[in-house]
Amino acid sequence: EYRIGTAGGGNQARQPYLEKYEFR
């Protein structure tokens, strides 16, 4: 068993949940 990226799913900035929020 393995997971791609890291335990949190890799690059958080690519995640859909952030599309509605401001971030840099």
PDBML (XML) file of the C-alpha atoms, coordinates in Angstrom:
<?xml version="1.0" encoding="UTF-8" ?>
<PDBx:datablock datablockName="MODEL"
   xmlns:PDBx="http://pdbml.pdb.org/schema/pdbx-v50.xsd"
   xmlns:xsi="http://www.w3.org/2001/XMLSchema-instance"
   xsi:schemaLocation="http://pdbml.pdb.org/schema/pdbx-v50.xsd pdbx-v50.xsd">
   <PDBx:atom_siteCategory>
      <PDBx:atom_site id="1">
         <PDBx:B_iso_or_equiv>0.00</PDBx:B_iso_or_equiv>
         <PDBx:Cartn_x>0.000</PDBx:Cartn_x>
         <PDBx:Cartn_y>0.000</PDBx:Cartn_y>
         <PDBx:Cartn_z>0.000</PDBx:Cartn_z>
         <PDBx:auth_asym_id>A</PDBx:auth_asym_id>
         <PDBx:auth_atom_id>CA</PDBx:auth_atom_id>
         <PDBx:auth_comp_id>GLU</PDBx:auth_comp_id>
         <PDBx:auth_seq_id>1</PDBx:auth_seq_id>
         <PDBx:group_PDB>ATOM</PDBx:group_PDB>
         <PDBx:label_alt_id xsi:nil="true" />
         <PDBx:label_asym_id>A</PDBx:label_asym_id>
         <PDBx:label_atom_id>CA</PDBx:label_atom_id>
         <PDBx:label_comp_id>GLU</PDBx:label_comp_id>
         <PDBx:label_entity_id>1</PDBx:label_entity_id>
         <PDBx:label_seq_id>1</PDBx:label_seq_id>
         <PDBx:occupancy>1.00</PDBx:occupancy>
         <PDBx:pdbx_PDB_model_num>1</PDBx:pdbx_PDB_model_num>
         <PDBx:type_symbol>C</PDBx:type_symbol>
      </PDBx:atom_site>
      <PDBx:atom_site id="2">
         <PDBx:B_iso_or_equiv>0.00</PDBx:B_iso_or_equiv>
         <PDBx:Cartn_x>1.276</PDBx:Cartn_x>
         <PDBx:Cartn_y>3.477</PDBx:Cartn_y>
         <PDBx:Cartn_z>-0.844</PDBx:Cartn_z>
         <PDBx:auth_asym_id>A</PDBx:auth_asym_id>
         <PDBx:auth_atom_id>CA</PDBx:auth_atom_id>
         <PDBx:auth_comp_id>TYR</PDBx:auth_comp_id>
         <PDBx:auth_seq_id>2</PDBx:auth_seq_id>
         <PDBx:group_PDB>ATOM</PDBx:group_PDB>
         <PDBx:label_alt_id xsi:nil="true" />
         <PDBx:label_asym_id>A</PDBx:label_asym_id>
         <PDBx:label_atom_id>CA</PDBx:label_atom_id>
         <PDBx:label_comp_id>TYR</PDBx:label_comp_id>
         <PDBx:label_entity_id>1</PDBx:label_entity_id>
         <PDBx:label_seq_id>2</PDBx:label_seq_id>
         <PDBx:occupancy>1.00</PDBx:occupancy>
         <PDBx:pdbx_PDB_model_num>1</PDBx:pdbx_PDB_model_num>
         <PDBx:type_symbol>C</PDBx:type_symbol>
      </PDBx:atom_site>
      <PDBx:atom_site id="3">
         <PDBx:B_iso_or_equiv>0.00</PDBx:B_iso_or_equiv>
         <PDBx:Cartn_x>0.174</PDBx:Cartn_x>
         <PDBx:Cartn_y>7.078</PDBx:Cartn_y>
         <PDBx:Cartn_z>-1.240</PDBx:Cartn_z>
         <PDBx:auth_asym_id>A</PDBx:auth_asym_id>
         <PDBx:auth_atom_id>CA</PDBx:auth_atom_id>
         <PDBx:auth_comp_id>ARG</PDBx:auth_comp_id>
         <PDBx:auth_seq_id>3</PDBx:auth_seq_id>
         <PDBx:group_PDB>ATOM</PDBx:group_PDB>
         <PDBx:label_alt_id xsi:nil="true" />
         <PDBx:label_asym_id>A</PDBx:label_asym_id>
         <PDBx:label_atom_id>CA</PDBx:label_atom_id>
         <PDBx:label_comp_id>ARG</PDBx:label_comp_id>
         <PDBx:label_entity_id>1</PDBx:label_entity_id>
         <PDBx:label_seq_id>3</PDBx:label_seq_id>
         <PDBx:occupancy>1.00</PDBx:occupancy>
         <PDBx:pdbx_PDB_model_num>1</PDBx:pdbx_PDB_model_num>
         <PDBx:type_symbol>C</PDBx:type_symbol>
      </PDBx:atom_site>
      <PDBx:atom_site id="4">
         <PDBx:B_iso_or_equiv>0.00</PDBx:B_iso_or_equiv>
         <PDBx:Cartn_x>1.339</PDBx:Cartn_x>
         <PDBx:Cartn_y>9.555</PDBx:Cartn_y>
         <PDBx:Cartn_z>-3.865</PDBx:Cartn_z>
         <PDBx:auth_asym_id>A</PDBx:auth_asym_id>
         <PDBx:auth_atom_id>CA</PDBx:auth_atom_id>
         <PDBx:auth_comp_id>ILE</PDBx:auth_comp_id>
         <PDBx:auth_seq_id>4</PDBx:auth_seq_id>
         <PDBx:group_PDB>ATOM</PDBx:group_PDB>
         <PDBx:label_alt_id xsi:nil="true" />
         <PDBx:label_asym_id>A</PDBx:label_asym_id>
         <PDBx:label_atom_id>CA</PDBx:label_atom_id>
         <PDBx:label_comp_id>ILE</PDBx:label_comp_id>
         <PDBx:label_entity_id>1</PDBx:label_entity_id>
         <PDBx:label_seq_id>4</PDBx:label_seq_id>
         <PDBx:occupancy>1.00</PDBx:occupancy>
         <PDBx:pdbx_PDB_model_num>1</PDBx:pdbx_PDB_model_num>
         <PDBx:type_symbol>C</PDBx:type_symbol>
      </PDBx:atom_site>
      <PDBx:atom_site id="5">
         <PDBx:B_iso_or_equiv>0.00</PDBx:B_iso_or_equiv>
         <PDBx:Cartn_x>2.751</PDBx:Cartn_x>
         <PDBx:Cartn_y>12.873</PDBx:Cartn_y>
         <PDBx:Cartn_z>-2.630</PDBx:Cartn_z>
         <PDBx:auth_asym_id>A</PDBx:auth_asym_id>
         <PDBx:auth_atom_id>CA</PDBx:auth_atom_id>
         <PDBx:auth_comp_id>GLY</PDBx:auth_comp_id>
         <PDBx:auth_seq_id>5</PDBx:auth_seq_id>
         <PDBx:group_PDB>ATOM</PDBx:group_PDB>
         <PDBx:label_alt_id xsi:nil="true" />
         <PDBx:label_asym_id>A</PDBx:label_asym_id>
         <PDBx:label_atom_id>CA</PDBx:label_atom_id>
         <PDBx:label_comp_id>GLY</PDBx:label_comp_id>
         <PDBx:label_entity_id>1</PDBx:label_entity_id>
         <PDBx:label_seq_id>5</PDBx:label_seq_id>
         <PDBx:occupancy>1.00</PDBx:occupancy>
         <PDBx:pdbx_PDB_model_num>1</PDBx:pdbx_PDB_model_num>
         <PDBx:type_symbol>C</PDBx:type_symbol>
      </PDBx:atom_site>
      <PDBx:atom_site id="6">
         <PDBx:B_iso_or_equiv>0.00</PDBx:B_iso_or_equiv>
         <PDBx:Cartn_x>2.824</PDBx:Cartn_x>
         <PDBx:Cartn_y>13.119</PDBx:Cartn_y>
         <PDBx:Cartn_z>1.136</PDBx:Cartn_z>
         <PDBx:auth_asym_id>A</PDBx:auth_asym_id>
         <PDBx:auth_atom_id>CA</PDBx:auth_atom_id>
         <PDBx:auth_comp_id>THR</PDBx:auth_comp_id>
         <PDBx:auth_seq_id>6</PDBx:auth_seq_id>
         <PDBx:group_PDB>ATOM</PDBx:group_PDB>
         <PDBx:label_alt_id xsi:nil="true" />
         <PDBx:label_asym_id>A</PDBx:label_asym_id>
         <PDBx:label_atom_id>CA</PDBx:label_atom_id>
         <PDBx:label_comp_id>THR</PDBx:label_comp_id>
         <PDBx:label_entity_id>1</PDBx:label_entity_id>
         <PDBx:label_seq_id>6</PDBx:label_seq_id>
         <PDBx:occupancy>1.00</PDBx:occupancy>
         <PDBx:pdbx_PDB_model_num>1</PDBx:pdbx_PDB_model_num>
         <PDBx:type_symbol>C</PDBx:type_symbol>
      </PDBx:atom_site>
      <PDBx:atom_site id="7">
         <PDBx:B_iso_or_equiv>0.00</PDBx:B_iso_or_equiv>
         <PDBx:Cartn_x>0.364</PDBx:Cartn_x>
         <PDBx:Cartn_y>12.149</PDBx:Cartn_y>
         <PDBx:Cartn_z>3.862</PDBx:Cartn_z>
         <PDBx:auth_asym_id>A</PDBx:auth_asym_id>
         <PDBx:auth_atom_id>CA</PDBx:auth_atom_id>
         <PDBx:auth_comp_id>ALA</PDBx:auth_comp_id>
         <PDBx:auth_seq_id>7</PDBx:auth_seq_id>
         <PDBx:group_PDB>ATOM</PDBx:group_PDB>
         <PDBx:label_alt_id xsi:nil="true" />
         <PDBx:label_asym_id>A</PDBx:label_asym_id>
         <PDBx:label_atom_id>CA</PDBx:label_atom_id>
         <PDBx:label_comp_id>ALA</PDBx:label_comp_id>
         <PDBx:label_entity_id>1</PDBx:label_entity_id>
         <PDBx:label_seq_id>7</PDBx:label_seq_id>
         <PDBx:occupancy>1.00</PDBx:occupancy>
         <PDBx:pdbx_PDB_model_num>1</PDBx:pdbx_PDB_model_num>
         <PDBx:type_symbol>C</PDBx:type_symbol>
      </PDBx:atom_site>
      <PDBx:atom_site id="8">
         <PDBx:B_iso_or_equiv>0.00</PDBx:B_iso_or_equiv>
         <PDBx:Cartn_x>-1.699</PDBx:Cartn_x>
         <PDBx:Cartn_y>15.270</PDBx:Cartn_y>
         <PDBx:Cartn_z>3.197</PDBx:Cartn_z>
         <PDBx:auth_asym_id>A</PDBx:auth_asym_id>
         <PDBx:auth_atom_id>CA</PDBx:auth_atom_id>
         <PDBx:auth_comp_id>GLY</PDBx:auth_comp_id>
         <PDBx:auth_seq_id>8</PDBx:auth_seq_id>
         <PDBx:group_PDB>ATOM</PDBx:group_PDB>
         <PDBx:label_alt_id xsi:nil="true" />
         <PDBx:label_asym_id>A</PDBx:label_asym_id>
         <PDBx:label_atom_id>CA</PDBx:label_atom_id>
         <PDBx:label_comp_id>GLY</PDBx:label_comp_id>
         <PDBx:label_entity_id>1</PDBx:label_entity_id>
         <PDBx:label_seq_id>8</PDBx:label_seq_id>
         <PDBx:occupancy>1.00</PDBx:occupancy>
         <PDBx:pdbx_PDB_model_num>1</PDBx:pdbx_PDB_model_num>
         <PDBx:type_symbol>C</PDBx:type_symbol>
      </PDBx:atom_site>
      <PDBx:atom_site id="9">
         <PDBx:B_iso_or_equiv>0.00</PDBx:B_iso_or_equiv>
         <PDBx:Cartn_x>-2.099</PDBx:Cartn_x>
         <PDBx:Cartn_y>14.654</PDBx:Cartn_y>
         <PDBx:Cartn_z>-0.529</PDBx:Cartn_z>
         <PDBx:auth_asym_id>A</PDBx:auth_asym_id>
         <PDBx:auth_atom_id>CA</PDBx:auth_atom_id>
         <PDBx:auth_comp_id>GLY</PDBx:auth_comp_id>
         <PDBx:auth_seq_id>9</PDBx:auth_seq_id>
         <PDBx:group_PDB>ATOM</PDBx:group_PDB>
         <PDBx:label_alt_id xsi:nil="true" />
         <PDBx:label_asym_id>A</PDBx:label_asym_id>
         <PDBx:label_atom_id>CA</PDBx:label_atom_id>
         <PDBx:label_comp_id>GLY</PDBx:label_comp_id>
         <PDBx:label_entity_id>1</PDBx:label_entity_id>
         <PDBx:label_seq_id>9</PDBx:label_seq_id>
         <PDBx:occupancy>1.00</PDBx:occupancy>
         <PDBx:pdbx_PDB_model_num>1</PDBx:pdbx_PDB_model_num>
         <PDBx:type_symbol>C</PDBx:type_symbol>
      </PDBx:atom_site>
      <PDBx:atom_site id="10">
         <PDBx:B_iso_or_equiv>0.00</PDBx:B_iso_or_equiv>
         <PDBx:Cartn_x>0.808</PDBx:Cartn_x>
         <PDBx:Cartn_y>16.691</PDBx:Cartn_y>
         <PDBx:Cartn_z>-1.873</PDBx:Cartn_z>
         <PDBx:auth_asym_id>A</PDBx:auth_asym_id>
         <PDBx:auth_atom_id>CA</PDBx:auth_atom_id>
         <PDBx:auth_comp_id>GLY</PDBx:auth_comp_id>
         <PDBx:auth_seq_id>10</PDBx:auth_seq_id>
         <PDBx:group_PDB>ATOM</PDBx:group_PDB>
         <PDBx:label_alt_id xsi:nil="true" />
         <PDBx:label_asym_id>A</PDBx:label_asym_id>
         <PDBx:label_atom_id>CA</PDBx:label_atom_id>
         <PDBx:label_comp_id>GLY</PDBx:label_comp_id>
         <PDBx:label_entity_id>1</PDBx:label_entity_id>
         <PDBx:label_seq_id>10</PDBx:label_seq_id>
         <PDBx:occupancy>1.00</PDBx:occupancy>
         <PDBx:pdbx_PDB_model_num>1</PDBx:pdbx_PDB_model_num>
         <PDBx:type_symbol>C</PDBx:type_symbol>
      </PDBx:atom_site>
      <PDBx:atom_site id="11">
         <PDBx:B_iso_or_equiv>0.00</PDBx:B_iso_or_equiv>
         <PDBx:Cartn_x>0.511</PDBx:Cartn_x>
         <PDBx:Cartn_y>20.330</PDBx:Cartn_y>
         <PDBx:Cartn_z>-2.949</PDBx:Cartn_z>
         <PDBx:auth_asym_id>A</PDBx:auth_asym_id>
         <PDBx:auth_atom_id>CA</PDBx:auth_atom_id>
         <PDBx:auth_comp_id>ASN</PDBx:auth_comp_id>
         <PDBx:auth_seq_id>11</PDBx:auth_seq_id>
         <PDBx:group_PDB>ATOM</PDBx:group_PDB>
         <PDBx:label_alt_id xsi:nil="true" />
         <PDBx:label_asym_id>A</PDBx:label_asym_id>
         <PDBx:label_atom_id>CA</PDBx:label_atom_id>
         <PDBx:label_comp_id>ASN</PDBx:label_comp_id>
         <PDBx:label_entity_id>1</PDBx:label_entity_id>
         <PDBx:label_seq_id>11</PDBx:label_seq_id>
         <PDBx:occupancy>1.00</PDBx:occupancy>
         <PDBx:pdbx_PDB_model_num>1</PDBx:pdbx_PDB_model_num>
         <PDBx:type_symbol>C</PDBx:type_symbol>
      </PDBx:atom_site>
      <PDBx:atom_site id="12">
         <PDBx:B_iso_or_equiv>0.00</PDBx:B_iso_or_equiv>
         <PDBx:Cartn_x>-2.417</PDBx:Cartn_x>
         <PDBx:Cartn_y>21.832</PDBx:Cartn_y>
         <PDBx:Cartn_z>-1.014</PDBx:Cartn_z>
         <PDBx:auth_asym_id>A</PDBx:auth_asym_id>
         <PDBx:auth_atom_id>CA</PDBx:auth_atom_id>
         <PDBx:auth_comp_id>GLN</PDBx:auth_comp_id>
         <PDBx:auth_seq_id>12</PDBx:auth_seq_id>
         <PDBx:group_PDB>ATOM</PDBx:group_PDB>
         <PDBx:label_alt_id xsi:nil="true" />
         <PDBx:label_asym_id>A</PDBx:label_asym_id>
         <PDBx:label_atom_id>CA</PDBx:label_atom_id>
         <PDBx:label_comp_id>GLN</PDBx:label_comp_id>
         <PDBx:label_entity_id>1</PDBx:label_entity_id>
         <PDBx:label_seq_id>12</PDBx:label_seq_id>
         <PDBx:occupancy>1.00</PDBx:occupancy>
         <PDBx:pdbx_PDB_model_num>1</PDBx:pdbx_PDB_model_num>
         <PDBx:type_symbol>C</PDBx:type_symbol>
      </PDBx:atom_site>
      <PDBx:atom_site id="13">
         <PDBx:B_iso_or_equiv>0.00</PDBx:B_iso_or_equiv>
         <PDBx:Cartn_x>-2.711</PDBx:Cartn_x>
         <PDBx:Cartn_y>24.761</PDBx:Cartn_y>
         <PDBx:Cartn_z>-3.448</PDBx:Cartn_z>
         <PDBx:auth_asym_id>A</PDBx:auth_asym_id>
         <PDBx:auth_atom_id>CA</PDBx:auth_atom_id>
         <PDBx:auth_comp_id>ALA</PDBx:auth_comp_id>
         <PDBx:auth_seq_id>13</PDBx:auth_seq_id>
         <PDBx:group_PDB>ATOM</PDBx:group_PDB>
         <PDBx:label_alt_id xsi:nil="true" />
         <PDBx:label_asym_id>A</PDBx:label_asym_id>
         <PDBx:label_atom_id>CA</PDBx:label_atom_id>
         <PDBx:label_comp_id>ALA</PDBx:label_comp_id>
         <PDBx:label_entity_id>1</PDBx:label_entity_id>
         <PDBx:label_seq_id>13</PDBx:label_seq_id>
         <PDBx:occupancy>1.00</PDBx:occupancy>
         <PDBx:pdbx_PDB_model_num>1</PDBx:pdbx_PDB_model_num>
         <PDBx:type_symbol>C</PDBx:type_symbol>
      </PDBx:atom_site>
      <PDBx:atom_site id="14">
         <PDBx:B_iso_or_equiv>0.00</PDBx:B_iso_or_equiv>
         <PDBx:Cartn_x>-3.953</PDBx:Cartn_x>
         <PDBx:Cartn_y>22.344</PDBx:Cartn_y>
         <PDBx:Cartn_z>-6.132</PDBx:Cartn_z>
         <PDBx:auth_asym_id>A</PDBx:auth_asym_id>
         <PDBx:auth_atom_id>CA</PDBx:auth_atom_id>
         <PDBx:auth_comp_id>ARG</PDBx:auth_comp_id>
         <PDBx:auth_seq_id>14</PDBx:auth_seq_id>
         <PDBx:group_PDB>ATOM</PDBx:group_PDB>
         <PDBx:label_alt_id xsi:nil="true" />
         <PDBx:label_asym_id>A</PDBx:label_asym_id>
         <PDBx:label_atom_id>CA</PDBx:label_atom_id>
         <PDBx:label_comp_id>ARG</PDBx:label_comp_id>
         <PDBx:label_entity_id>1</PDBx:label_entity_id>
         <PDBx:label_seq_id>14</PDBx:label_seq_id>
         <PDBx:occupancy>1.00</PDBx:occupancy>
         <PDBx:pdbx_PDB_model_num>1</PDBx:pdbx_PDB_model_num>
         <PDBx:type_symbol>C</PDBx:type_symbol>
      </PDBx:atom_site>
      <PDBx:atom_site id="15">
         <PDBx:B_iso_or_equiv>0.00</PDBx:B_iso_or_equiv>
         <PDBx:Cartn_x>-6.884</PDBx:Cartn_x>
         <PDBx:Cartn_y>21.223</PDBx:Cartn_y>
         <PDBx:Cartn_z>-3.998</PDBx:Cartn_z>
         <PDBx:auth_asym_id>A</PDBx:auth_asym_id>
         <PDBx:auth_atom_id>CA</PDBx:auth_atom_id>
         <PDBx:auth_comp_id>GLN</PDBx:auth_comp_id>
         <PDBx:auth_seq_id>15</PDBx:auth_seq_id>
         <PDBx:group_PDB>ATOM</PDBx:group_PDB>
         <PDBx:label_alt_id xsi:nil="true" />
         <PDBx:label_asym_id>A</PDBx:label_asym_id>
         <PDBx:label_atom_id>CA</PDBx:label_atom_id>
         <PDBx:label_comp_id>GLN</PDBx:label_comp_id>
         <PDBx:label_entity_id>1</PDBx:label_entity_id>
         <PDBx:label_seq_id>15</PDBx:label_seq_id>
         <PDBx:occupancy>1.00</PDBx:occupancy>
         <PDBx:pdbx_PDB_model_num>1</PDBx:pdbx_PDB_model_num>
         <PDBx:type_symbol>C</PDBx:type_symbol>
      </PDBx:atom_site>
      <PDBx:atom_site id="16">
         <PDBx:B_iso_or_equiv>0.00</PDBx:B_iso_or_equiv>
         <PDBx:Cartn_x>-10.415</PDBx:Cartn_x>
         <PDBx:Cartn_y>22.303</PDBx:Cartn_y>
         <PDBx:Cartn_z>-5.005</PDBx:Cartn_z>
         <PDBx:auth_asym_id>A</PDBx:auth_asym_id>
         <PDBx:auth_atom_id>CA</PDBx:auth_atom_id>
         <PDBx:auth_comp_id>PRO</PDBx:auth_comp_id>
         <PDBx:auth_seq_id>16</PDBx:auth_seq_id>
         <PDBx:group_PDB>ATOM</PDBx:group_PDB>
         <PDBx:label_alt_id xsi:nil="true" />
         <PDBx:label_asym_id>A</PDBx:label_asym_id>
         <PDBx:label_atom_id>CA</PDBx:label_atom_id>
         <PDBx:label_comp_id>PRO</PDBx:label_comp_id>
         <PDBx:label_entity_id>1</PDBx:label_entity_id>
         <PDBx:label_seq_id>16</PDBx:label_seq_id>
         <PDBx:occupancy>1.00</PDBx:occupancy>
         <PDBx:pdbx_PDB_model_num>1</PDBx:pdbx_PDB_model_num>
         <PDBx:type_symbol>C</PDBx:type_symbol>
      </PDBx:atom_site>
      <PDBx:atom_site id="17">
         <PDBx:B_iso_or_equiv>0.00</PDBx:B_iso_or_equiv>
         <PDBx:Cartn_x>-11.398</PDBx:Cartn_x>
         <PDBx:Cartn_y>23.446</PDBx:Cartn_y>
         <PDBx:Cartn_z>-1.510</PDBx:Cartn_z>
         <PDBx:auth_asym_id>A</PDBx:auth_asym_id>
         <PDBx:auth_atom_id>CA</PDBx:auth_atom_id>
         <PDBx:auth_comp_id>TYR</PDBx:auth_comp_id>
         <PDBx:auth_seq_id>17</PDBx:auth_seq_id>
         <PDBx:group_PDB>ATOM</PDBx:group_PDB>
         <PDBx:label_alt_id xsi:nil="true" />
         <PDBx:label_asym_id>A</PDBx:label_asym_id>
         <PDBx:label_atom_id>CA</PDBx:label_atom_id>
         <PDBx:label_comp_id>TYR</PDBx:label_comp_id>
         <PDBx:label_entity_id>1</PDBx:label_entity_id>
         <PDBx:label_seq_id>17</PDBx:label_seq_id>
         <PDBx:occupancy>1.00</PDBx:occupancy>
         <PDBx:pdbx_PDB_model_num>1</PDBx:pdbx_PDB_model_num>
         <PDBx:type_symbol>C</PDBx:type_symbol>
      </PDBx:atom_site>
      <PDBx:atom_site id="18">
         <PDBx:B_iso_or_equiv>0.00</PDBx:B_iso_or_equiv>
         <PDBx:Cartn_x>-9.087</PDBx:Cartn_x>
         <PDBx:Cartn_y>26.470</PDBx:Cartn_y>
         <PDBx:Cartn_z>-1.775</PDBx:Cartn_z>
         <PDBx:auth_asym_id>A</PDBx:auth_asym_id>
         <PDBx:auth_atom_id>CA</PDBx:auth_atom_id>
         <PDBx:auth_comp_id>LEU</PDBx:auth_comp_id>
         <PDBx:auth_seq_id>18</PDBx:auth_seq_id>
         <PDBx:group_PDB>ATOM</PDBx:group_PDB>
         <PDBx:label_alt_id xsi:nil="true" />
         <PDBx:label_asym_id>A</PDBx:label_asym_id>
         <PDBx:label_atom_id>CA</PDBx:label_atom_id>
         <PDBx:label_comp_id>LEU</PDBx:label_comp_id>
         <PDBx:label_entity_id>1</PDBx:label_entity_id>
         <PDBx:label_seq_id>18</PDBx:label_seq_id>
         <PDBx:occupancy>1.00</PDBx:occupancy>
         <PDBx:pdbx_PDB_model_num>1</PDBx:pdbx_PDB_model_num>
         <PDBx:type_symbol>C</PDBx:type_symbol>
      </PDBx:atom_site>
      <PDBx:atom_site id="19">
         <PDBx:B_iso_or_equiv>0.00</PDBx:B_iso_or_equiv>
         <PDBx:Cartn_x>-10.674</PDBx:Cartn_x>
         <PDBx:Cartn_y>27.852</PDBx:Cartn_y>
         <PDBx:Cartn_z>-4.945</PDBx:Cartn_z>
         <PDBx:auth_asym_id>A</PDBx:auth_asym_id>
         <PDBx:auth_atom_id>CA</PDBx:auth_atom_id>
         <PDBx:auth_comp_id>GLU</PDBx:auth_comp_id>
         <PDBx:auth_seq_id>19</PDBx:auth_seq_id>
         <PDBx:group_PDB>ATOM</PDBx:group_PDB>
         <PDBx:label_alt_id xsi:nil="true" />
         <PDBx:label_asym_id>A</PDBx:label_asym_id>
         <PDBx:label_atom_id>CA</PDBx:label_atom_id>
         <PDBx:label_comp_id>GLU</PDBx:label_comp_id>
         <PDBx:label_entity_id>1</PDBx:label_entity_id>
         <PDBx:label_seq_id>19</PDBx:label_seq_id>
         <PDBx:occupancy>1.00</PDBx:occupancy>
         <PDBx:pdbx_PDB_model_num>1</PDBx:pdbx_PDB_model_num>
         <PDBx:type_symbol>C</PDBx:type_symbol>
      </PDBx:atom_site>
      <PDBx:atom_site id="20">
         <PDBx:B_iso_or_equiv>0.00</PDBx:B_iso_or_equiv>
         <PDBx:Cartn_x>-13.168</PDBx:Cartn_x>
         <PDBx:Cartn_y>29.894</PDBx:Cartn_y>
         <PDBx:Cartn_z>-2.889</PDBx:Cartn_z>
         <PDBx:auth_asym_id>A</PDBx:auth_asym_id>
         <PDBx:auth_atom_id>CA</PDBx:auth_atom_id>
         <PDBx:auth_comp_id>LYS</PDBx:auth_comp_id>
         <PDBx:auth_seq_id>20</PDBx:auth_seq_id>
         <PDBx:group_PDB>ATOM</PDBx:group_PDB>
         <PDBx:label_alt_id xsi:nil="true" />
         <PDBx:label_asym_id>A</PDBx:label_asym_id>
         <PDBx:label_atom_id>CA</PDBx:label_atom_id>
         <PDBx:label_comp_id>LYS</PDBx:label_comp_id>
         <PDBx:label_entity_id>1</PDBx:label_entity_id>
         <PDBx:label_seq_id>20</PDBx:label_seq_id>
         <PDBx:occupancy>1.00</PDBx:occupancy>
         <PDBx:pdbx_PDB_model_num>1</PDBx:pdbx_PDB_model_num>
         <PDBx:type_symbol>C</PDBx:type_symbol>
      </PDBx:atom_site>
      <PDBx:atom_site id="21">
         <PDBx:B_iso_or_equiv>0.00</PDBx:B_iso_or_equiv>
         <PDBx:Cartn_x>-10.572</PDBx:Cartn_x>
         <PDBx:Cartn_y>31.390</PDBx:Cartn_y>
         <PDBx:Cartn_z>-0.549</PDBx:Cartn_z>
         <PDBx:auth_asym_id>A</PDBx:auth_asym_id>
         <PDBx:auth_atom_id>CA</PDBx:auth_atom_id>
         <PDBx:auth_comp_id>TYR</PDBx:auth_comp_id>
         <PDBx:auth_seq_id>21</PDBx:auth_seq_id>
         <PDBx:group_PDB>ATOM</PDBx:group_PDB>
         <PDBx:label_alt_id xsi:nil="true" />
         <PDBx:label_asym_id>A</PDBx:label_asym_id>
         <PDBx:label_atom_id>CA</PDBx:label_atom_id>
         <PDBx:label_comp_id>TYR</PDBx:label_comp_id>
         <PDBx:label_entity_id>1</PDBx:label_entity_id>
         <PDBx:label_seq_id>21</PDBx:label_seq_id>
         <PDBx:occupancy>1.00</PDBx:occupancy>
         <PDBx:pdbx_PDB_model_num>1</PDBx:pdbx_PDB_model_num>
         <PDBx:type_symbol>C</PDBx:type_symbol>
      </PDBx:atom_site>
      <PDBx:atom_site id="22">
         <PDBx:B_iso_or_equiv>0.00</PDBx:B_iso_or_equiv>
         <PDBx:Cartn_x>-7.826</PDBx:Cartn_x>
         <PDBx:Cartn_y>33.963</PDBx:Cartn_y>
         <PDBx:Cartn_z>-0.725</PDBx:Cartn_z>
         <PDBx:auth_asym_id>A</PDBx:auth_asym_id>
         <PDBx:auth_atom_id>CA</PDBx:auth_atom_id>
         <PDBx:auth_comp_id>GLU</PDBx:auth_comp_id>
         <PDBx:auth_seq_id>22</PDBx:auth_seq_id>
         <PDBx:group_PDB>ATOM</PDBx:group_PDB>
         <PDBx:label_alt_id xsi:nil="true" />
         <PDBx:label_asym_id>A</PDBx:label_asym_id>
         <PDBx:label_atom_id>CA</PDBx:label_atom_id>
         <PDBx:label_comp_id>GLU</PDBx:label_comp_id>
         <PDBx:label_entity_id>1</PDBx:label_entity_id>
         <PDBx:label_seq_id>22</PDBx:label_seq_id>
         <PDBx:occupancy>1.00</PDBx:occupancy>
         <PDBx:pdbx_PDB_model_num>1</PDBx:pdbx_PDB_model_num>
         <PDBx:type_symbol>C</PDBx:type_symbol>
      </PDBx:atom_site>
      <PDBx:atom_site id="23">
         <PDBx:B_iso_or_equiv>0.00</PDBx:B_iso_or_equiv>
         <PDBx:Cartn_x>-4.270</PDBx:Cartn_x>
         <PDBx:Cartn_y>32.646</PDBx:Cartn_y>
         <PDBx:Cartn_z>-0.424</PDBx:Cartn_z>
         <PDBx:auth_asym_id>A</PDBx:auth_asym_id>
         <PDBx:auth_atom_id>CA</PDBx:auth_atom_id>
         <PDBx:auth_comp_id>PHE</PDBx:auth_comp_id>
         <PDBx:auth_seq_id>23</PDBx:auth_seq_id>
         <PDBx:group_PDB>ATOM</PDBx:group_PDB>
         <PDBx:label_alt_id xsi:nil="true" />
         <PDBx:label_asym_id>A</PDBx:label_asym_id>
         <PDBx:label_atom_id>CA</PDBx:label_atom_id>
         <PDBx:label_comp_id>PHE</PDBx:label_comp_id>
         <PDBx:label_entity_id>1</PDBx:label_entity_id>
         <PDBx:label_seq_id>23</PDBx:label_seq_id>
         <PDBx:occupancy>1.00</PDBx:occupancy>
         <PDBx:pdbx_PDB_model_num>1</PDBx:pdbx_PDB_model_num>
         <PDBx:type_symbol>C</PDBx:type_symbol>
      </PDBx:atom_site>
      <PDBx:atom_site id="24">
         <PDBx:B_iso_or_equiv>0.00</PDBx:B_iso_or_equiv>
         <PDBx:Cartn_x>-0.784</PDBx:Cartn_x>
         <PDBx:Cartn_y>33.497</PDBx:Cartn_y>
         <PDBx:Cartn_z>-1.649</PDBx:Cartn_z>
         <PDBx:auth_asym_id>A</PDBx:auth_asym_id>
         <PDBx:auth_atom_id>CA</PDBx:auth_atom_id>
         <PDBx:auth_comp_id>ARG</PDBx:auth_comp_id>
         <PDBx:auth_seq_id>24</PDBx:auth_seq_id>
         <PDBx:group_PDB>ATOM</PDBx:group_PDB>
         <PDBx:label_alt_id xsi:nil="true" />
         <PDBx:label_asym_id>A</PDBx:label_asym_id>
         <PDBx:label_atom_id>CA</PDBx:label_atom_id>
         <PDBx:label_comp_id>ARG</PDBx:label_comp_id>
         <PDBx:label_entity_id>1</PDBx:label_entity_id>
         <PDBx:label_seq_id>24</PDBx:label_seq_id>
         <PDBx:occupancy>1.00</PDBx:occupancy>
         <PDBx:pdbx_PDB_model_num>1</PDBx:pdbx_PDB_model_num>
         <PDBx:type_symbol>C</PDBx:type_symbol>
      </PDBx:atom_site>
   </PDBx:atom_siteCategory>
</PDBx:datablock>
